[in-house]
């Protein structure tokens, strides 16, 4: 089921509060990057 694997997305972002995704975000400053500095 993917245990121990980290998947990255390069897209429009991800909703960190989505109920199907919130618990799987790795968390921390090394888990989210916005090159434009908007978020």
ModelCIF file with pLDDT and N, C-alpha, C, O atoms, coordinates in Angstrom:
data_MODEL
#
_entry.id   MODEL 
#
_entity.id                         1 
_entity.type                       polymer 
_entity.pdbx_number_of_molecules   1 
#
_entity_poly.entity_id                      1 
_entity_poly.type                           'polypeptide(L)' 
_entity_poly.nstd_linkage                   no 
_entity_poly.nstd_monomer                   no 
_entity_poly.pdbx_seq_one_letter_code       
;(UNK)(UNK)(UNK)(UNK)(UNK)(UNK)(UNK)(UNK)(UNK)(UNK)(UNK)(UNK)(UNK)(UNK)(UNK)(UNK)
(UNK)(UNK)(UNK)(UNK)(UNK)(UNK)(UNK)(UNK)(UNK)(UNK)(UNK)(UNK)(UNK)(UNK)(UNK)(UNK)
(UNK)(UNK)(UNK)(UNK)(UNK)(UNK)(UNK)
;
_entity_poly.pdbx_seq_one_letter_code_can   XXXXXXXXXXXXXXXXXXXXXXXXXXXXXXXXXXXXXXX 
_entity_poly.pdbx_strand_id                 A 
#
loop_
_entity_poly_seq.entity_id 
_entity_poly_seq.num 
_entity_poly_seq.mon_id 
_entity_poly_seq.hetero 
1 1  UNK n 
1 2  UNK n 
1 3  UNK n 
1 4  UNK n 
1 5  UNK n 
1 6  UNK n 
1 7  UNK n 
1 8  UNK n 
1 9  UNK n 
1 10 UNK n 
1 11 UNK n 
1 12 UNK n 
1 13 UNK n 
1 14 UNK n 
1 15 UNK n 
1 16 UNK n 
1 17 UNK n 
1 18 UNK n 
1 19 UNK n 
1 20 UNK n 
1 21 UNK n 
1 22 UNK n 
1 23 UNK n 
1 24 UNK n 
1 25 UNK n 
1 26 UNK n 
1 27 UNK n 
1 28 UNK n 
1 29 UNK n 
1 30 UNK n 
1 31 UNK n 
1 32 UNK n 
1 33 UNK n 
1 34 UNK n 
1 35 UNK n 
1 36 UNK n 
1 37 UNK n 
1 38 UNK n 
1 39 UNK n 
#
_struct_asym.id          A 
_struct_asym.entity_id   1 
#
loop_
_ma_qa_metric.id 
_ma_qa_metric.mode 
_ma_qa_metric.name 
_ma_qa_metric.software_group_id 
_ma_qa_metric.type 
1 global pLDDT . pLDDT 
2 local  pLDDT . pLDDT 
#
_ma_qa_metric_global.metric_id      1 
_ma_qa_metric_global.metric_value   97.77 
_ma_qa_metric_global.model_id       1 
_ma_qa_metric_global.ordinal_id     1 
#
loop_
_ma_qa_metric_local.label_asym_id 
_ma_qa_metric_local.label_comp_id 
_ma_qa_metric_local.label_seq_id 
_ma_qa_metric_local.metric_id 
_ma_qa_metric_local.metric_value 
_ma_qa_metric_local.model_id 
_ma_qa_metric_local.ordinal_id 
A UNK 1  2 98.00 1 1  
A UNK 2  2 98.00 1 2  
A UNK 3  2 98.00 1 3  
A UNK 4  2 98.00 1 4  
A UNK 5  2 98.00 1 5  
A UNK 6  2 98.00 1 6  
A UNK 7  2 98.00 1 7  
A UNK 8  2 98.00 1 8  
A UNK 9  2 98.00 1 9  
A UNK 10 2 98.00 1 10 
A UNK 11 2 98.00 1 11 
A UNK 12 2 98.00 1 12 
A UNK 13 2 98.00 1 13 
A UNK 14 2 98.00 1 14 
A UNK 15 2 98.00 1 15 
A UNK 16 2 97.00 1 16 
A UNK 17 2 97.00 1 17 
A UNK 18 2 97.00 1 18 
A UNK 19 2 97.00 1 19 
A UNK 20 2 97.00 1 20 
A UNK 21 2 98.00 1 21 
A UNK 22 2 98.00 1 22 
A UNK 23 2 97.00 1 23 
A UNK 24 2 98.00 1 24 
A UNK 25 2 98.00 1 25 
A UNK 26 2 98.00 1 26 
A UNK 27 2 98.00 1 27 
A UNK 28 2 97.00 1 28 
A UNK 29 2 96.00 1 29 
A UNK 30 2 98.00 1 30 
A UNK 31 2 98.00 1 31 
A UNK 32 2 98.00 1 32 
A UNK 33 2 98.00 1 33 
A UNK 34 2 98.00 1 34 
A UNK 35 2 98.00 1 35 
A UNK 36 2 98.00 1 36 
A UNK 37 2 98.00 1 37 
A UNK 38 2 98.00 1 38 
A UNK 39 2 98.00 1 39 
#
loop_
_atom_site.group_PDB 
_atom_site.id 
_atom_site.type_symbol 
_atom_site.label_atom_id 
_atom_site.label_alt_id 
_atom_site.label_comp_id 
_atom_site.label_asym_id 
_atom_site.label_entity_id 
_atom_site.label_seq_id 
_atom_site.pdbx_PDB_ins_code 
_atom_site.Cartn_x 
_atom_site.Cartn_y 
_atom_site.Cartn_z 
_atom_site.occupancy 
_atom_site.B_iso_or_equiv 
_atom_site.pdbx_formal_charge 
_atom_site.auth_seq_id 
_atom_site.auth_comp_id 
_atom_site.auth_asym_id 
_atom_site.auth_atom_id 
_atom_site.pdbx_PDB_model_num 
ATOM 1   N N  . UNK A 1 1  ? 0.806  -1.210 0.000   1.00 98.00 ? 1  UNK A N  1 
ATOM 2   C CA . UNK A 1 1  ? 0.000  0.000  0.000   1.00 98.00 ? 1  UNK A CA 1 
ATOM 3   C C  . UNK A 1 1  ? 0.844  1.267  0.000   1.00 98.00 ? 1  UNK A C  1 
ATOM 4   O O  . UNK A 1 1  ? 0.331  2.361  0.238   1.00 98.00 ? 1  UNK A O  1 
ATOM 5   N N  . UNK A 1 2  ? 2.130  1.121  -0.265  1.00 98.00 ? 2  UNK A N  1 
ATOM 6   C CA . UNK A 1 2  ? 2.989  2.298  -0.358  1.00 98.00 ? 2  UNK A CA 1 
ATOM 7   C C  . UNK A 1 2  ? 3.667  2.693  0.927   1.00 98.00 ? 2  UNK A C  1 
ATOM 8   O O  . UNK A 1 2  ? 4.264  3.768  0.982   1.00 98.00 ? 2  UNK A O  1 
ATOM 9   N N  . UNK A 1 3  ? 3.609  1.894  1.950   1.00 98.00 ? 3  UNK A N  1 
ATOM 10  C CA . UNK A 1 3  ? 4.219  2.240  3.234   1.00 98.00 ? 3  UNK A CA 1 
ATOM 11  C C  . UNK A 1 3  ? 5.729  2.443  3.073   1.00 98.00 ? 3  UNK A C  1 
ATOM 12  O O  . UNK A 1 3  ? 6.423  1.601  2.501   1.00 98.00 ? 3  UNK A O  1 
ATOM 13  N N  . UNK A 1 4  ? 6.221  3.565  3.582   1.00 98.00 ? 4  UNK A N  1 
ATOM 14  C CA . UNK A 1 4  ? 7.650  3.873  3.505   1.00 98.00 ? 4  UNK A CA 1 
ATOM 15  C C  . UNK A 1 4  ? 8.060  4.610  2.250   1.00 98.00 ? 4  UNK A C  1 
ATOM 16  O O  . UNK A 1 4  ? 9.230  4.961  2.095   1.00 98.00 ? 4  UNK A O  1 
ATOM 17  N N  . UNK A 1 5  ? 7.120  4.853  1.350   1.00 98.00 ? 5  UNK A N  1 
ATOM 18  C CA . UNK A 1 5  ? 7.413  5.536  0.087   1.00 98.00 ? 5  UNK A CA 1 
ATOM 19  C C  . UNK A 1 5  ? 6.945  6.994  0.162   1.00 98.00 ? 5  UNK A C  1 
ATOM 20  O O  . UNK A 1 5  ? 5.898  7.289  0.739   1.00 98.00 ? 5  UNK A O  1 
ATOM 21  N N  . UNK A 1 6  ? 7.731  7.897  -0.428  1.00 98.00 ? 6  UNK A N  1 
ATOM 22  C CA . UNK A 1 6  ? 7.365  9.315  -0.510  1.00 98.00 ? 6  UNK A CA 1 
ATOM 23  C C  . UNK A 1 6  ? 7.126  9.674  -1.973  1.00 98.00 ? 6  UNK A C  1 
ATOM 24  O O  . UNK A 1 6  ? 8.001  9.484  -2.817  1.00 98.00 ? 6  UNK A O  1 
ATOM 25  N N  . UNK A 1 7  ? 5.938  10.191 -2.265  1.00 98.00 ? 7  UNK A N  1 
ATOM 26  C CA . UNK A 1 7  ? 5.562  10.589 -3.620  1.00 98.00 ? 7  UNK A CA 1 
ATOM 27  C C  . UNK A 1 7  ? 5.513  12.114 -3.687  1.00 98.00 ? 7  UNK A C  1 
ATOM 28  O O  . UNK A 1 7  ? 4.928  12.756 -2.815  1.00 98.00 ? 7  UNK A O  1 
ATOM 29  N N  . UNK A 1 8  ? 6.121  12.691 -4.712  1.00 98.00 ? 8  UNK A N  1 
ATOM 30  C CA . UNK A 1 8  ? 6.127  14.145 -4.878  1.00 98.00 ? 8  UNK A CA 1 
ATOM 31  C C  . UNK A 1 8  ? 5.287  14.548 -6.074  1.00 98.00 ? 8  UNK A C  1 
ATOM 32  O O  . UNK A 1 8  ? 5.223  13.838 -7.078  1.00 98.00 ? 8  UNK A O  1 
ATOM 33  N N  . UNK A 1 9  ? 4.644  15.697 -5.950  1.00 98.00 ? 9  UNK A N  1 
ATOM 34  C CA . UNK A 1 9  ? 3.847  16.261 -7.038  1.00 98.00 ? 9  UNK A CA 1 
ATOM 35  C C  . UNK A 1 9  ? 4.432  17.602 -7.448  1.00 98.00 ? 9  UNK A C  1 
ATOM 36  O O  . UNK A 1 9  ? 4.755  18.434 -6.601  1.00 98.00 ? 9  UNK A O  1 
ATOM 37  N N  . UNK A 1 10 ? 4.565  17.805 -8.760  1.00 98.00 ? 10 UNK A N  1 
ATOM 38  C CA . UNK A 1 10 ? 4.890  19.126 -9.302  1.00 98.00 ? 10 UNK A CA 1 
ATOM 39  C C  . UNK A 1 10 ? 3.674  19.565 -10.103 1.00 98.00 ? 10 UNK A C  1 
ATOM 40  O O  . UNK A 1 10 ? 3.460  19.119 -11.231 1.00 98.00 ? 10 UNK A O  1 
ATOM 41  N N  . UNK A 1 11 ? 2.881  20.446 -9.501  1.00 98.00 ? 11 UNK A N  1 
ATOM 42  C CA . UNK A 1 11 ? 1.575  20.760 -10.089 1.00 98.00 ? 11 UNK A CA 1 
ATOM 43  C C  . UNK A 1 11 ? 1.100  22.106 -9.547  1.00 98.00 ? 11 UNK A C  1 
ATOM 44  O O  . UNK A 1 11 ? 1.904  22.978 -9.220  1.00 98.00 ? 11 UNK A O  1 
ATOM 45  N N  . UNK A 1 12 ? -0.214 22.255 -9.458  1.00 98.00 ? 12 UNK A N  1 
ATOM 46  C CA . UNK A 1 12 ? -0.797 23.501 -8.956  1.00 98.00 ? 12 UNK A CA 1 
ATOM 47  C C  . UNK A 1 12 ? -0.756 23.591 -7.445  1.00 98.00 ? 12 UNK A C  1 
ATOM 48  O O  . UNK A 1 12 ? -1.249 24.558 -6.864  1.00 98.00 ? 12 UNK A O  1 
ATOM 49  N N  . UNK A 1 13 ? -0.171 22.592 -6.804  1.00 98.00 ? 13 UNK A N  1 
ATOM 50  C CA . UNK A 1 13 ? -0.130 22.518 -5.355  1.00 98.00 ? 13 UNK A CA 1 
ATOM 51  C C  . UNK A 1 13 ? -0.962 21.350 -4.870  1.00 98.00 ? 13 UNK A C  1 
ATOM 52  O O  . UNK A 1 13 ? -1.413 20.530 -5.670  1.00 98.00 ? 13 UNK A O  1 
ATOM 53  N N  . UNK A 1 14 ? -1.166 21.268 -3.590  1.00 98.00 ? 14 UNK A N  1 
ATOM 54  C CA . UNK A 1 14 ? -2.011 20.242 -2.987  1.00 98.00 ? 14 UNK A CA 1 
ATOM 55  C C  . UNK A 1 14 ? -2.712 20.867 -1.790  1.00 98.00 ? 14 UNK A C  1 
ATOM 56  O O  . UNK A 1 14 ? -2.103 21.622 -1.033  1.00 98.00 ? 14 UNK A O  1 
ATOM 57  N N  . UNK A 1 15 ? -3.983 20.556 -1.619  1.00 98.00 ? 15 UNK A N  1 
ATOM 58  C CA . UNK A 1 15 ? -4.708 21.029 -0.445  1.00 98.00 ? 15 UNK A CA 1 
ATOM 59  C C  . UNK A 1 15 ? -4.281 20.219 0.771   1.00 98.00 ? 15 UNK A C  1 
ATOM 60  O O  . UNK A 1 15 ? -4.571 19.027 0.870   1.00 98.00 ? 15 UNK A O  1 
ATOM 61  N N  . UNK A 1 16 ? -3.597 20.872 1.686   1.00 97.00 ? 16 UNK A N  1 
ATOM 62  C CA . UNK A 1 16 ? -3.101 20.169 2.866   1.00 97.00 ? 16 UNK A CA 1 
ATOM 63  C C  . UNK A 1 16 ? -4.174 19.779 3.850   1.00 97.00 ? 16 UNK A C  1 
ATOM 64  O O  . UNK A 1 16 ? -3.928 18.978 4.753   1.00 97.00 ? 16 UNK A O  1 
ATOM 65  N N  . UNK A 1 17 ? -5.380 20.341 3.690   1.00 97.00 ? 17 UNK A N  1 
ATOM 66  C CA . UNK A 1 17 ? -6.471 20.041 4.615   1.00 97.00 ? 17 UNK A CA 1 
ATOM 67  C C  . UNK A 1 17 ? -7.474 19.043 4.048   1.00 97.00 ? 17 UNK A C  1 
ATOM 68  O O  . UNK A 1 17 ? -8.469 18.736 4.703   1.00 97.00 ? 17 UNK A O  1 
ATOM 69  N N  . UNK A 1 18 ? -7.234 18.538 2.856   1.00 97.00 ? 18 UNK A N  1 
ATOM 70  C CA . UNK A 1 18 ? -8.185 17.601 2.256   1.00 97.00 ? 18 UNK A CA 1 
ATOM 71  C C  . UNK A 1 18 ? -8.258 16.333 3.117   1.00 97.00 ? 18 UNK A C  1 
ATOM 72  O O  . UNK A 1 18 ? -7.219 15.775 3.471   1.00 97.00 ? 18 UNK A O  1 
ATOM 73  N N  . UNK A 1 19 ? -9.458 15.872 3.458   1.00 97.00 ? 19 UNK A N  1 
ATOM 74  C CA . UNK A 1 19 ? -9.583 14.725 4.363   1.00 97.00 ? 19 UNK A CA 1 
ATOM 75  C C  . UNK A 1 19 ? -8.959 13.435 3.846   1.00 97.00 ? 19 UNK A C  1 
ATOM 76  O O  . UNK A 1 19 ? -8.604 12.563 4.639   1.00 97.00 ? 19 UNK A O  1 
ATOM 77  N N  . UNK A 1 20 ? -8.819 13.300 2.531   1.00 97.00 ? 20 UNK A N  1 
ATOM 78  C CA . UNK A 1 20 ? -8.194 12.095 1.983   1.00 97.00 ? 20 UNK A CA 1 
ATOM 79  C C  . UNK A 1 20 ? -6.675 12.207 1.898   1.00 97.00 ? 20 UNK A C  1 
ATOM 80  O O  . UNK A 1 20 ? -5.996 11.236 1.564   1.00 97.00 ? 20 UNK A O  1 
ATOM 81  N N  . UNK A 1 21 ? -6.132 13.410 2.203   1.00 98.00 ? 21 UNK A N  1 
ATOM 82  C CA . UNK A 1 21 ? -4.695 13.628 2.014   1.00 98.00 ? 21 UNK A CA 1 
ATOM 83  C C  . UNK A 1 21 ? -3.982 14.208 3.225   1.00 98.00 ? 21 UNK A C  1 
ATOM 84  O O  . UNK A 1 21 ? -2.758 14.111 3.320   1.00 98.00 ? 21 UNK A O  1 
ATOM 85  N N  . UNK A 1 22 ? -4.713 14.803 4.145   1.00 98.00 ? 22 UNK A N  1 
ATOM 86  C CA . UNK A 1 22 ? -4.089 15.538 5.254   1.00 98.00 ? 22 UNK A CA 1 
ATOM 87  C C  . UNK A 1 22 ? -3.128 14.675 6.066   1.00 98.00 ? 22 UNK A C  1 
ATOM 88  O O  . UNK A 1 22 ? -2.043 15.131 6.427   1.00 98.00 ? 22 UNK A O  1 
ATOM 89  N N  . UNK A 1 23 ? -3.510 13.451 6.352   1.00 97.00 ? 23 UNK A N  1 
ATOM 90  C CA . UNK A 1 23 ? -2.685 12.591 7.209   1.00 97.00 ? 23 UNK A CA 1 
ATOM 91  C C  . UNK A 1 23 ? -1.422 12.081 6.520   1.00 97.00 ? 23 UNK A C  1 
ATOM 92  O O  . UNK A 1 23 ? -0.486 11.644 7.189   1.00 97.00 ? 23 UNK A O  1 
ATOM 93  N N  . UNK A 1 24 ? -1.388 12.133 5.183   1.00 98.00 ? 24 UNK A N  1 
ATOM 94  C CA . UNK A 1 24 ? -0.241 11.578 4.463   1.00 98.00 ? 24 UNK A CA 1 
ATOM 95  C C  . UNK A 1 24 ? 0.836  12.603 4.140   1.00 98.00 ? 24 UNK A C  1 
ATOM 96  O O  . UNK A 1 24 ? 1.915  12.239 3.671   1.00 98.00 ? 24 UNK A O  1 
ATOM 97  N N  . UNK A 1 25 ? 0.553  13.900 4.390   1.00 98.00 ? 25 UNK A N  1 
ATOM 98  C CA . UNK A 1 25 ? 1.593  14.893 4.132   1.00 98.00 ? 25 UNK A CA 1 
ATOM 99  C C  . UNK A 1 25 ? 2.754  14.647 5.087   1.00 98.00 ? 25 UNK A C  1 
ATOM 100 O O  . UNK A 1 25 ? 2.546  14.518 6.293   1.00 98.00 ? 25 UNK A O  1 
ATOM 101 N N  . UNK A 1 26 ? 3.968  14.581 4.564   1.00 98.00 ? 26 UNK A N  1 
ATOM 102 C CA . UNK A 1 26 ? 5.126  14.287 5.402   1.00 98.00 ? 26 UNK A CA 1 
ATOM 103 C C  . UNK A 1 26 ? 5.353  15.378 6.437   1.00 98.00 ? 26 UNK A C  1 
ATOM 104 O O  . UNK A 1 26 ? 5.776  15.092 7.557   1.00 98.00 ? 26 UNK A O  1 
ATOM 105 N N  . UNK A 1 27 ? 5.078  16.610 6.077   1.00 98.00 ? 27 UNK A N  1 
ATOM 106 C CA . UNK A 1 27 ? 5.185  17.721 7.017   1.00 98.00 ? 27 UNK A CA 1 
ATOM 107 C C  . UNK A 1 27 ? 6.591  18.274 7.141   1.00 98.00 ? 27 UNK A C  1 
ATOM 108 O O  . UNK A 1 27 ? 7.566  17.579 6.854   1.00 98.00 ? 27 UNK A O  1 
ATOM 109 N N  . UNK A 1 28 ? 6.697  19.537 7.573   1.00 97.00 ? 28 UNK A N  1 
ATOM 110 C CA . UNK A 1 28 ? 8.001  20.169 7.741   1.00 97.00 ? 28 UNK A CA 1 
ATOM 111 C C  . UNK A 1 28 ? 8.389  21.022 6.550   1.00 97.00 ? 28 UNK A C  1 
ATOM 112 O O  . UNK A 1 28 ? 7.742  20.984 5.504   1.00 97.00 ? 28 UNK A O  1 
ATOM 113 N N  . UNK A 1 29 ? 9.454  21.795 6.722   1.00 96.00 ? 29 UNK A N  1 
ATOM 114 C CA . UNK A 1 29 ? 9.900  22.700 5.661   1.00 96.00 ? 29 UNK A CA 1 
ATOM 115 C C  . UNK A 1 29 ? 10.461 21.970 4.455   1.00 96.00 ? 29 UNK A C  1 
ATOM 116 O O  . UNK A 1 29 ? 10.610 22.566 3.388   1.00 96.00 ? 29 UNK A O  1 
ATOM 117 N N  . UNK A 1 30 ? 10.776 20.684 4.605   1.00 98.00 ? 30 UNK A N  1 
ATOM 118 C CA . UNK A 1 30 ? 11.314 19.911 3.478   1.00 98.00 ? 30 UNK A CA 1 
ATOM 119 C C  . UNK A 1 30 ? 10.218 19.126 2.757   1.00 98.00 ? 30 UNK A C  1 
ATOM 120 O O  . UNK A 1 30 ? 10.508 18.155 2.059   1.00 98.00 ? 30 UNK A O  1 
ATOM 121 N N  . UNK A 1 31 ? 8.959  19.546 2.924   1.00 98.00 ? 31 UNK A N  1 
ATOM 122 C CA . UNK A 1 31 ? 7.852  18.810 2.306   1.00 98.00 ? 31 UNK A CA 1 
ATOM 123 C C  . UNK A 1 31 ? 6.935  19.697 1.481   1.00 98.00 ? 31 UNK A C  1 
ATOM 124 O O  . UNK A 1 31 ? 5.923  19.224 0.965   1.00 98.00 ? 31 UNK A O  1 
ATOM 125 N N  . UNK A 1 32 ? 7.270  20.965 1.350   1.00 98.00 ? 32 UNK A N  1 
ATOM 126 C CA . UNK A 1 32 ? 6.455  21.887 0.551   1.00 98.00 ? 32 UNK A CA 1 
ATOM 127 C C  . UNK A 1 32 ? 7.347  22.994 0.021   1.00 98.00 ? 32 UNK A C  1 
ATOM 128 O O  . UNK A 1 32 ? 8.130  23.579 0.769   1.00 98.00 ? 32 UNK A O  1 
ATOM 129 N N  . UNK A 1 33 ? 7.231  23.285 -1.279  1.00 98.00 ? 33 UNK A N  1 
ATOM 130 C CA . UNK A 1 33 ? 8.078  24.321 -1.889  1.00 98.00 ? 33 UNK A CA 1 
ATOM 131 C C  . UNK A 1 33 ? 7.280  25.119 -2.906  1.00 98.00 ? 33 UNK A C  1 
ATOM 132 O O  . UNK A 1 33 ? 6.674  24.558 -3.819  1.00 98.00 ? 33 UNK A O  1 
ATOM 133 N N  . UNK A 1 34 ? 7.288  26.438 -2.737  1.00 98.00 ? 34 UNK A N  1 
ATOM 134 C CA . UNK A 1 34 ? 6.659  27.363 -3.677  1.00 98.00 ? 34 UNK A CA 1 
ATOM 135 C C  . UNK A 1 34 ? 7.750  28.291 -4.205  1.00 98.00 ? 34 UNK A C  1 
ATOM 136 O O  . UNK A 1 34 ? 8.144  29.220 -3.500  1.00 98.00 ? 34 UNK A O  1 
ATOM 137 N N  . UNK A 1 35 ? 8.253  28.069 -5.428  1.00 98.00 ? 35 UNK A N  1 
ATOM 138 C CA . UNK A 1 35 ? 9.363  28.882 -5.947  1.00 98.00 ? 35 UNK A CA 1 
ATOM 139 C C  . UNK A 1 35 ? 9.007  30.344 -6.156  1.00 98.00 ? 35 UNK A C  1 
ATOM 140 O O  . UNK A 1 35 ? 9.900  31.178 -6.305  1.00 98.00 ? 35 UNK A O  1 
ATOM 141 N N  . UNK A 1 36 ? 7.713  30.673 -6.169  1.00 98.00 ? 36 UNK A N  1 
ATOM 142 C CA . UNK A 1 36 ? 7.293  32.067 -6.364  1.00 98.00 ? 36 UNK A CA 1 
ATOM 143 C C  . UNK A 1 36 ? 7.154  32.813 -5.045  1.00 98.00 ? 36 UNK A C  1 
ATOM 144 O O  . UNK A 1 36 ? 6.992  34.033 -5.039  1.00 98.00 ? 36 UNK A O  1 
ATOM 145 N N  . UNK A 1 37 ? 7.216  32.096 -3.930  1.00 98.00 ? 37 UNK A N  1 
ATOM 146 C CA . UNK A 1 37 ? 7.088  32.735 -2.630  1.00 98.00 ? 37 UNK A CA 1 
ATOM 147 C C  . UNK A 1 37 ? 5.699  33.243 -2.310  1.00 98.00 ? 37 UNK A C  1 
ATOM 148 O O  . UNK A 1 37 ? 5.544  34.109 -1.449  1.00 98.00 ? 37 UNK A O  1 
ATOM 149 N N  . UNK A 1 38 ? 4.677  32.720 -2.990  1.00 98.00 ? 38 UNK A N  1 
ATOM 150 C CA . UNK A 1 38 ? 3.309  33.176 -2.751  1.00 98.00 ? 38 UNK A CA 1 
ATOM 151 C C  . UNK A 1 38 ? 2.664  32.454 -1.565  1.00 98.00 ? 38 UNK A C  1 
ATOM 152 O O  . UNK A 1 38 ? 1.839  33.029 -0.855  1.00 98.00 ? 38 UNK A O  1 
ATOM 153 N N  . UNK A 1 39 ? 3.044  31.196 -1.357  1.00 98.00 ? 39 UNK A N  1 
ATOM 154 C CA . UNK A 1 39 ? 2.497  30.394 -0.248  1.00 98.00 ? 39 UNK A CA 1 
ATOM 155 C C  . UNK A 1 39 ? 3.652  29.552 0.307   1.00 98.00 ? 39 UNK A C  1 
ATOM 156 O O  . UNK A 1 39 ? 3.459  28.785 1.251   1.00 98.00 ? 39 UNK A O  1 
#
